[in-house]
C-alpha atoms as a PDB file:
ATOM      1  CA  MET A   1      12.266  81.135  -2.388  1.00  0.00           C
ATOM      2  CA  ILE A   2      12.275  77.429  -3.153  1.00  0.00           C
ATOM      3  CA  PHE A   3       9.229  76.037  -4.919  1.00  0.00           C
ATOM      4  CA  PHE A   4       8.673  72.306  -5.022  1.00  0.00           C
ATOM      5  CA  LYS A   5       6.723  70.199  -7.515  1.00  0.00           C
ATOM      6  CA  GLU A   6       5.312  67.941  -4.793  1.00  0.00           C
ATOM      7  CA  GLY A   7       1.758  69.084  -5.243  1.00  0.00           C
ATOM      8  CA  ARG A   8      -0.311  69.681  -2.173  1.00  0.00           C
ATOM      9  CA  ASN A   9       1.707  67.592   0.268  1.00  0.00           C
ATOM     10  CA  LYS A  10       2.773  70.398   2.610  1.00  0.00           C
ATOM     11  CA  LYS A  11       4.429  68.051   5.119  1.00  0.00           C
ATOM     12  CA  LYS A  12       6.718  66.606   2.449  1.00  0.00           C
ATOM     13  CA  GLN A  13       7.504  70.108   1.157  1.00  0.00           C
ATOM     14  CA  ARG A  14       8.500  71.282   4.647  1.00  0.00           C
ATOM     15  CA  GLU A  15      10.640  68.206   5.270  1.00  0.00           C
ATOM     16  CA  HIS A  16      12.474  68.626   1.965  1.00  0.00           C
ATOM     17  CA  PHE A  17      12.871  72.368   2.514  1.00  0.00           C
ATOM     18  CA  TRP A  18      14.529  71.872   5.913  1.00  0.00           C
ATOM     19  CA  LYS A  19      16.742  69.057   4.630  1.00  0.00           C
ATOM     20  CA  ILE A  20      17.988  71.358   1.865  1.00  0.00           C
ATOM     21  CA  ILE A  21      18.573  74.201   4.328  1.00  0.00           C
ATOM     22  CA  LYS A  22      20.416  71.843   6.670  1.00  0.00           C
ATOM     23  CA  ILE A  23      22.682  70.391   3.972  1.00  0.00           C
ATOM     24  CA  CYS A  24      23.445  73.937   2.768  1.00  0.00           C
ATOM     25  CA  ARG A  25      24.237  74.990   6.357  1.00  0.00           C
ATOM     26  CA  PHE A  26      21.919  78.003   6.148  1.00  0.00           C
ATOM     27  CA  SER A  27      23.972  79.530   3.324  1.00  0.00           C
ATOM     28  CA  MET A  28      21.800  81.412   0.855  1.00  0.00           C
ATOM     29  CA  SER A  29      24.396  81.052  -1.893  1.00  0.00           C
ATOM     30  CA  LYS A  30      24.419  77.254  -1.466  1.00  0.00           C
ATOM     31  CA  VAL A  31      20.615  77.154  -1.439  1.00  0.00           C
ATOM     32  CA  SER A  32      20.569  79.181  -4.667  1.00  0.00           C
ATOM     33  CA  LEU A  33      23.100  76.818  -6.230  1.00  0.00           C
ATOM     34  CA  PHE A  34      20.973  73.814  -5.206  1.00  0.00           C
ATOM     35  CA  GLU A  35      17.914  75.515  -6.653  1.00  0.00           C
ATOM     36  CA  LYS A  36      19.619  76.137 -10.008  1.00  0.00           C
ATOM     37  CA  LYS A  37      21.257  72.726 -10.419  1.00  0.00           C
ATOM     38  CA  TYR A  38      19.084  70.199  -8.573  1.00  0.00           C
ATOM     39  CA  LEU A  39      15.581  71.499  -7.906  1.00  0.00           C
ATOM     40  CA  HIS A  40      14.370  70.533 -11.383  1.00  0.00           C
ATOM     41  CA  LYS A  41      15.263  66.894 -10.578  1.00  0.00           C
ATOM     42  CA  ILE A  42      12.715  66.698  -7.744  1.00  0.00           C
ATOM     43  CA  TYR A  43       9.348  65.266  -8.752  1.00  0.00           C
ATOM     44  CA  PRO A  44       6.079  64.489  -6.883  1.00  0.00           C
ATOM     45  CA  GLU A  45       6.437  60.698  -6.623  1.00  0.00           C
ATOM     46  CA  MET A  46      10.089  60.800  -5.548  1.00  0.00           C
ATOM     47  CA  CYS A  47      10.774  58.488  -2.615  1.00  0.00           C
ATOM     48  CA  GLU A  48      12.893  59.575   0.341  1.00  0.00           C
ATOM     49  CA  GLY A  49      15.811  57.397  -0.767  1.00  0.00           C
ATOM     50  CA  GLU A  50      15.994  59.132  -4.131  1.00  0.00           C
ATOM     51  CA  PHE A  51      15.789  62.526  -2.442  1.00  0.00           C
ATOM     52  CA  GLU A  52      18.637  61.617  -0.080  1.00  0.00           C
ATOM     53  CA  ILE A  53      20.748  60.477  -3.068  1.00  0.00           C
ATOM     54  CA  LEU A  54      20.087  63.833  -4.738  1.00  0.00           C
ATOM     55  CA  LEU A  55      21.170  65.688  -1.585  1.00  0.00           C
ATOM     56  CA  ASN A  56      24.339  63.588  -1.359  1.00  0.00           C
ATOM     57  CA  GLU A  57      25.151  64.320  -5.011  1.00  0.00           C
ATOM     58  CA  PHE A  58      24.850  68.034  -4.322  1.00  0.00           C
ATOM     59  CA  LYS A  59      26.948  67.767  -1.171  1.00  0.00           C
ATOM     60  CA  ASP A  60      29.678  65.769  -2.943  1.00  0.00           C
ATOM     61  CA  GLU A  61      29.759  68.125  -5.926  1.00  0.00           C
ATOM     62  CA  TYR A  62      29.912  71.223  -3.749  1.00  0.00           C
ATOM     63  CA  ASN A  63      32.649  69.785  -1.505  1.00  0.00           C
ATOM     64  CA  SER A  64      34.764  68.640  -4.453  1.00  0.00           C
ATOM     65  CA  LYS A  65      34.681  72.127  -6.020  1.00  0.00           C
ATOM     66  CA  ASN A  66      35.546  73.943  -2.774  1.00  0.00           C
ATOM     67  CA  LEU A  67      38.589  71.947  -1.664  1.00  0.00           C
END
């Protein structure tokens, strides 16, 4: 289960959760990898642009390792 540090903003938590699931293509192993390597970088005041950059970093790293 993914736990976010976004406080009580449930809408933002849901949006981020589904973006992570989507970028991981519903793969539990990818979600676990994201959780281990990138979840600690998410913080409450993070803007959407920063979050998208974080998702792109994960996507690029994962794709470069699995070529």
